Amino acid sequence: MRGFTEKLIVLFLLVIFGMVVAGMYGAIHNQISYTVSPEYFTKFKFEQFGLLDSDFPERVRASMVGFFASWWMGFPIGMLIGLLGFIQKGSHRMLLISLQATGIAVVFTLVFGLCGLGYGFIQTSAIHIADYQNWFIPSNVVDLRGFLCAGYMHNSAYLGGLISIFVAWLYHILVRLKTE
């Protein structure tokens, strides 16, 4: 029973760690997407997150938006990566492999988001506004292509975060099979 209790404590710590890492990921991610399109933030995200009239510099606000938009993803990601960690032998091994799996998930999500940015760049080589009727696009956007590319990157990052759970699970399983 002691081993199971230790693993529950590790799971709790992994969830907390996951929320912090997800928030930090969002902050860093938004520095990239802010570089692609400041308007994505000044004409969309700052208003959405109540930071339009803040005294903080725009890049700081972009990081704040990223943290606020992403921290909660760390709960399900940390929980699901941590739960599969129970297949590892012992709480120390569970923690070590789960932290590695979390790192893999972060890198995977970043690469997936950057691929979304690249895809957006290709998709917007010729813009047909009718293709984006379901997107929120303020009427006063000057750099429409940059705005759309930032949107592609953000959408891809959320999808990448979801897929990264399965990538992390695969890592857990492969490590466990290797240690048998």
C-alpha atoms as a PDB file:
ATOM      1  CA  MET A   1       0.000   0.000   0.000  1.00  0.00           C
ATOM      2  CA  ARG A   2       2.932   2.339   0.696  1.00  0.00           C
ATOM      3  CA  GLY A   3       4.040   2.172  -2.953  1.00  0.00           C
ATOM      4  CA  PHE A   4       0.562   3.050  -4.188  1.00  0.00           C
ATOM      5  CA  THR A   5       0.326   6.027  -1.813  1.00  0.00           C
ATOM      6  CA  GLU A   6       3.723   7.280  -3.009  1.00  0.00           C
ATOM      7  CA  LYS A   7       2.550   6.988  -6.604  1.00  0.00           C
ATOM      8  CA  LEU A   8      -0.588   9.012  -5.753  1.00  0.00           C
ATOM      9  CA  ILE A   9       1.639  11.751  -4.335  1.00  0.00           C
ATOM     10  CA  VAL A  10       3.740  11.635  -7.504  1.00  0.00           C
ATOM     11  CA  LEU A  11       0.553  11.910  -9.583  1.00  0.00           C
ATOM     12  CA  PHE A  12      -0.520  14.988  -7.618  1.00  0.00           C
ATOM     13  CA  LEU A  13       2.909  16.580  -8.130  1.00  0.00           C
ATOM     14  CA  LEU A  14       2.832  15.749 -11.856  1.00  0.00           C
ATOM     15  CA  VAL A  15      -0.524  17.470 -12.258  1.00  0.00           C
ATOM     16  CA  ILE A  16       0.747  20.616 -10.508  1.00  0.00           C
ATOM     17  CA  PHE A  17       3.957  20.476 -12.561  1.00  0.00           C
ATOM     18  CA  GLY A  18       1.903  19.978 -15.732  1.00  0.00           C
ATOM     19  CA  MET A  19      -0.163  23.095 -15.048  1.00  0.00           C
ATOM     20  CA  VAL A  20       2.944  25.220 -14.461  1.00  0.00           C
ATOM     21  CA  VAL A  21       4.688  23.839 -17.553  1.00  0.00           C
ATOM     22  CA  ALA A  22       1.581  24.325 -19.710  1.00  0.00           C
ATOM     23  CA  GLY A  23       1.291  27.934 -18.571  1.00  0.00           C
ATOM     24  CA  MET A  24       4.962  28.584 -19.270  1.00  0.00           C
ATOM     25  CA  TYR A  25       4.600  26.901 -22.650  1.00  0.00           C
ATOM     26  CA  GLY A  26       1.706  29.229 -23.487  1.00  0.00           C
ATOM     27  CA  ALA A  27       3.729  32.278 -22.470  1.00  0.00           C
ATOM     28  CA  ILE A  28       6.654  31.269 -24.677  1.00  0.00           C
ATOM     29  CA  HIS A  29       4.394  30.142 -27.530  1.00  0.00           C
ATOM     30  CA  ASN A  30       2.753  33.549 -27.551  1.00  0.00           C
ATOM     31  CA  GLN A  31       6.105  35.270 -27.930  1.00  0.00           C
ATOM     32  CA  ILE A  32       6.484  33.429 -31.230  1.00  0.00           C
ATOM     33  CA  SER A  33       2.938  34.146 -32.391  1.00  0.00           C
ATOM     34  CA  TYR A  34       3.205  37.792 -31.275  1.00  0.00           C
ATOM     35  CA  THR A  35       6.234  38.083 -33.554  1.00  0.00           C
ATOM     36  CA  VAL A  36       4.114  36.686 -36.401  1.00  0.00           C
ATOM     37  CA  SER A  37       1.159  39.000 -35.706  1.00  0.00           C
ATOM     38  CA  PRO A  38       1.031  41.648 -33.000  1.00  0.00           C
ATOM     39  CA  GLU A  39      -2.493  42.406 -34.258  1.00  0.00           C
ATOM     40  CA  TYR A  40      -3.635  38.922 -33.249  1.00  0.00           C
ATOM     41  CA  PHE A  41      -3.143  40.159 -29.709  1.00  0.00           C
ATOM     42  CA  THR A  42      -3.855  43.885 -29.920  1.00  0.00           C
ATOM     43  CA  LYS A  43      -7.086  43.383 -31.859  1.00  0.00           C
ATOM     44  CA  PHE A  44      -8.229  40.030 -30.512  1.00  0.00           C
ATOM     45  CA  LYS A  45      -6.551  38.280 -27.564  1.00  0.00           C
ATOM     46  CA  PHE A  46      -5.979  41.304 -25.310  1.00  0.00           C
ATOM     47  CA  GLU A  47      -9.664  42.157 -25.520  1.00  0.00           C
ATOM     48  CA  GLN A  48     -10.652  38.514 -25.025  1.00  0.00           C
ATOM     49  CA  PHE A  49      -8.558  38.304 -21.829  1.00  0.00           C
ATOM     50  CA  GLY A  50      -9.383  41.770 -20.473  1.00  0.00           C
ATOM     51  CA  LEU A  51      -5.881  43.117 -21.069  1.00  0.00           C
ATOM     52  CA  LEU A  52      -6.659  45.737 -23.698  1.00  0.00           C
ATOM     53  CA  ASP A  53      -6.098  48.721 -21.394  1.00  0.00           C
ATOM     54  CA  SER A  54      -3.365  47.201 -19.232  1.00  0.00           C
ATOM     55  CA  ASP A  55      -0.212  49.168 -18.430  1.00  0.00           C
ATOM     56  CA  PHE A  56       1.976  46.130 -19.095  1.00  0.00           C
ATOM     57  CA  PRO A  57       3.995  46.141 -22.328  1.00  0.00           C
ATOM     58  CA  GLU A  58       2.389  44.234 -25.212  1.00  0.00           C
ATOM     59  CA  ARG A  59       4.881  41.359 -25.132  1.00  0.00           C
ATOM     60  CA  VAL A  60       4.301  40.876 -21.406  1.00  0.00           C
ATOM     61  CA  ARG A  61       0.547  40.871 -22.015  1.00  0.00           C
ATOM     62  CA  ALA A  62       1.024  38.327 -24.821  1.00  0.00           C
ATOM     63  CA  SER A  63       2.830  36.062 -22.345  1.00  0.00           C
ATOM     64  CA  MET A  64       0.083  36.616 -19.784  1.00  0.00           C
ATOM     65  CA  VAL A  65      -2.538  35.620 -22.355  1.00  0.00           C
ATOM     66  CA  GLY A  66      -0.496  32.523 -23.165  1.00  0.00           C
ATOM     67  CA  PHE A  67      -0.235  31.527 -19.523  1.00  0.00           C
ATOM     68  CA  PHE A  68      -3.928  32.155 -18.821  1.00  0.00           C
ATOM     69  CA  ALA A  69      -4.990  30.293 -21.976  1.00  0.00           C
ATOM     70  CA  SER A  70      -2.766  27.278 -21.394  1.00  0.00           C
ATOM     71  CA  TRP A  71      -2.264  26.504 -17.715  1.00  0.00           C
ATOM     72  CA  TRP A  72      -5.500  24.526 -17.495  1.00  0.00           C
ATOM     73  CA  MET A  73      -4.322  22.172 -20.275  1.00  0.00           C
ATOM     74  CA  GLY A  74      -1.661  21.027 -17.815  1.00  0.00           C
ATOM     75  CA  PHE A  75      -4.329  19.448 -15.622  1.00  0.00           C
ATOM     76  CA  PRO A  76      -5.575  16.830 -18.108  1.00  0.00           C
ATOM     77  CA  ILE A  77      -2.119  16.392 -19.657  1.00  0.00           C
ATOM     78  CA  GLY A  78      -0.429  15.992 -16.265  1.00  0.00           C
ATOM     79  CA  MET A  79      -3.207  13.724 -15.036  1.00  0.00           C
ATOM     80  CA  LEU A  80      -3.202  11.472 -18.083  1.00  0.00           C
ATOM     81  CA  ILE A  81       0.587  11.256 -18.362  1.00  0.00           C
ATOM     82  CA  GLY A  82       0.809  10.655 -14.625  1.00  0.00           C
ATOM     83  CA  LEU A  83      -1.900   7.991 -14.585  1.00  0.00           C
ATOM     84  CA  LEU A  84      -0.070   5.952 -17.177  1.00  0.00           C
ATOM     85  CA  GLY A  85       3.025   6.412 -15.039  1.00  0.00           C
ATOM     86  CA  PHE A  86       1.491   3.882 -12.659  1.00  0.00           C
ATOM     87  CA  ILE A  87       2.752   1.167 -15.029  1.00  0.00           C
ATOM     88  CA  GLN A  88       6.335   2.034 -14.066  1.00  0.00           C
ATOM     89  CA  LYS A  89       8.044   0.106 -11.269  1.00  0.00           C
ATOM     90  CA  GLY A  90       8.125   2.283  -8.173  1.00  0.00           C
ATOM     91  CA  SER A  91       7.267   5.896  -7.501  1.00  0.00           C
ATOM     92  CA  HIS A  92      10.753   7.204  -8.295  1.00  0.00           C
ATOM     93  CA  ARG A  93      10.708   5.558 -11.728  1.00  0.00           C
ATOM     94  CA  MET A  94       7.151   6.785 -12.266  1.00  0.00           C
ATOM     95  CA  LEU A  95       8.270  10.349 -11.548  1.00  0.00           C
ATOM     96  CA  LEU A  96      11.368  10.167 -13.744  1.00  0.00           C
ATOM     97  CA  ILE A  97       9.655   8.622 -16.773  1.00  0.00           C
ATOM     98  CA  SER A  98       6.596  10.870 -16.404  1.00  0.00           C
ATOM     99  CA  LEU A  99       8.796  13.982 -16.352  1.00  0.00           C
ATOM    100  CA  GLN A 100      10.551  12.736 -19.486  1.00  0.00           C
ATOM    101  CA  ALA A 101       7.177  12.026 -21.100  1.00  0.00           C
ATOM    102  CA  THR A 102       6.036  15.539 -20.187  1.00  0.00           C
ATOM    103  CA  GLY A 103       9.136  16.980 -21.847  1.00  0.00           C
ATOM    104  CA  ILE A 104       8.400  14.951 -24.959  1.00  0.00           C
ATOM    105  CA  ALA A 105       4.803  16.233 -24.914  1.00  0.00           C
ATOM    106  CA  VAL A 106       5.992  19.852 -24.694  1.00  0.00           C
ATOM    107  CA  VAL A 107       8.440  19.451 -27.576  1.00  0.00           C
ATOM    108  CA  PHE A 108       5.832  17.617 -29.656  1.00  0.00           C
ATOM    109  CA  THR A 109       3.276  20.372 -29.026  1.00  0.00           C
ATOM    110  CA  LEU A 110       5.757  23.084 -29.975  1.00  0.00           C
ATOM    111  CA  VAL A 111       6.736  21.316 -33.197  1.00  0.00           C
ATOM    112  CA  PHE A 112       3.068  20.677 -34.027  1.00  0.00           C
ATOM    113  CA  GLY A 113       2.240  24.344 -33.437  1.00  0.00           C
ATOM    114  CA  LEU A 114       5.135  25.443 -35.644  1.00  0.00           C
ATOM    115  CA  CYS A 115       3.931  23.055 -38.332  1.00  0.00           C
ATOM    116  CA  GLY A 116       0.524  24.727 -38.014  1.00  0.00           C
ATOM    117  CA  LEU A 117       2.223  28.069 -38.524  1.00  0.00           C
ATOM    118  CA  GLY A 118       3.930  26.707 -41.650  1.00  0.00           C
ATOM    119  CA  TYR A 119       0.647  25.259 -42.875  1.00  0.00           C
ATOM    120  CA  GLY A 120      -1.021  28.617 -42.272  1.00  0.00           C
ATOM    121  CA  PHE A 121       1.703  30.351 -44.230  1.00  0.00           C
ATOM    122  CA  ILE A 122       1.063  28.010 -47.177  1.00  0.00           C
ATOM    123  CA  GLN A 123      -2.733  28.292 -46.864  1.00  0.00           C
ATOM    124  CA  THR A 124      -2.615  32.074 -46.861  1.00  0.00           C
ATOM    125  CA  SER A 125      -0.432  32.503 -49.931  1.00  0.00           C
ATOM    126  CA  ALA A 126      -3.715  33.508 -51.595  1.00  0.00           C
ATOM    127  CA  ILE A 127      -6.398  34.555 -49.125  1.00  0.00           C
ATOM    128  CA  HIS A 128     -10.058  33.993 -49.919  1.00  0.00           C
ATOM    129  CA  ILE A 129     -11.872  35.632 -47.021  1.00  0.00           C
ATOM    130  CA  ALA A 130     -14.901  33.349 -47.519  1.00  0.00           C
ATOM    131  CA  ASP A 131     -12.700  30.443 -46.366  1.00  0.00           C
ATOM    132  CA  TYR A 132     -12.437  32.148 -42.968  1.00  0.00           C
ATOM    133  CA  GLN A 133     -16.082  33.051 -42.333  1.00  0.00           C
ATOM    134  CA  ASN A 134     -16.058  30.979 -39.118  1.00  0.00           C
ATOM    135  CA  TRP A 135     -12.944  32.746 -37.789  1.00  0.00           C
ATOM    136  CA  PHE A 136     -13.072  35.875 -35.691  1.00  0.00           C
ATOM    137  CA  ILE A 137     -11.304  38.510 -37.765  1.00  0.00           C
ATOM    138  CA  PRO A 138     -11.632  42.142 -36.697  1.00  0.00           C
ATOM    139  CA  SER A 139     -12.495  44.463 -39.563  1.00  0.00           C
ATOM    140  CA  ASN A 140      -9.483  46.705 -38.921  1.00  0.00           C
ATOM    141  CA  VAL A 141      -6.752  44.058 -39.295  1.00  0.00           C
ATOM    142  CA  VAL A 142      -3.974  45.426 -41.498  1.00  0.00           C
ATOM    143  CA  ASP A 143      -1.781  42.301 -41.839  1.00  0.00           C
ATOM    144  CA  LEU A 144      -4.461  39.678 -42.513  1.00  0.00           C
ATOM    145  CA  ARG A 145      -1.980  36.980 -43.477  1.00  0.00           C
ATOM    146  CA  GLY A 146      -0.003  37.356 -40.252  1.00  0.00           C
ATOM    147  CA  PHE A 147      -3.232  37.373 -38.217  1.00  0.00           C
ATOM    148  CA  LEU A 148      -4.433  34.171 -39.866  1.00  0.00           C
ATOM    149  CA  CYS A 149      -1.039  32.478 -39.526  1.00  0.00           C
ATOM    150  CA  ALA A 150      -1.022  33.231 -35.786  1.00  0.00           C
ATOM    151  CA  GLY A 151      -4.509  31.699 -35.630  1.00  0.00           C
ATOM    152  CA  TYR A 152      -3.317  28.575 -37.413  1.00  0.00           C
ATOM    153  CA  MET A 153      -0.439  28.294 -34.962  1.00  0.00           C
ATOM    154  CA  HIS A 154      -2.702  28.655 -31.923  1.00  0.00           C
ATOM    155  CA  ASN A 155      -5.239  26.132 -33.184  1.00  0.00           C
ATOM    156  CA  SER A 156      -2.481  23.670 -34.052  1.00  0.00           C
ATOM    157  CA  ALA A 157      -0.906  24.009 -30.623  1.00  0.00           C
ATOM    158  CA  TYR A 158      -4.144  22.970 -28.915  1.00  0.00           C
ATOM    159  CA  LEU A 159      -4.473  19.992 -31.247  1.00  0.00           C
ATOM    160  CA  GLY A 160      -0.796  19.179 -30.721  1.00  0.00           C
ATOM    161  CA  GLY A 161      -1.317  19.271 -26.958  1.00  0.00           C
ATOM    162  CA  LEU A 162      -4.109  16.729 -27.275  1.00  0.00           C
ATOM    163  CA  ILE A 163      -2.090  14.424 -29.535  1.00  0.00           C
ATOM    164  CA  SER A 164       0.964  14.799 -27.299  1.00  0.00           C
ATOM    165  CA  ILE A 165      -0.853  12.856 -24.579  1.00  0.00           C
ATOM    166  CA  PHE A 166      -0.834   9.784 -26.803  1.00  0.00           C
ATOM    167  CA  VAL A 167       2.819  10.362 -27.702  1.00  0.00           C
ATOM    168  CA  ALA A 168       3.653  10.528 -23.980  1.00  0.00           C
ATOM    169  CA  TRP A 169       1.660   7.356 -23.345  1.00  0.00           C
ATOM    170  CA  LEU A 170       3.560   5.594 -26.090  1.00  0.00           C
ATOM    171  CA  TYR A 171       6.816   6.666 -24.458  1.00  0.00           C
ATOM    172  CA  HIS A 172       5.621   5.301 -21.089  1.00  0.00           C
ATOM    173  CA  ILE A 173       4.683   1.981 -22.663  1.00  0.00           C
ATOM    174  CA  LEU A 174       7.916   1.631 -24.623  1.00  0.00           C
ATOM    175  CA  VAL A 175      10.034   2.389 -21.565  1.00  0.00           C
ATOM    176  CA  ARG A 176       8.040  -0.100 -19.483  1.00  0.00           C
ATOM    177  CA  LEU A 177       8.370  -2.821 -22.127  1.00  0.00           C
ATOM    178  CA  LYS A 178      12.098  -2.171 -22.382  1.00  0.00           C
ATOM    179  CA  THR A 179      12.569  -2.660 -18.632  1.00  0.00           C
ATOM    180  CA  GLU A 180      10.832  -6.038 -18.520  1.00  0.00           C
END
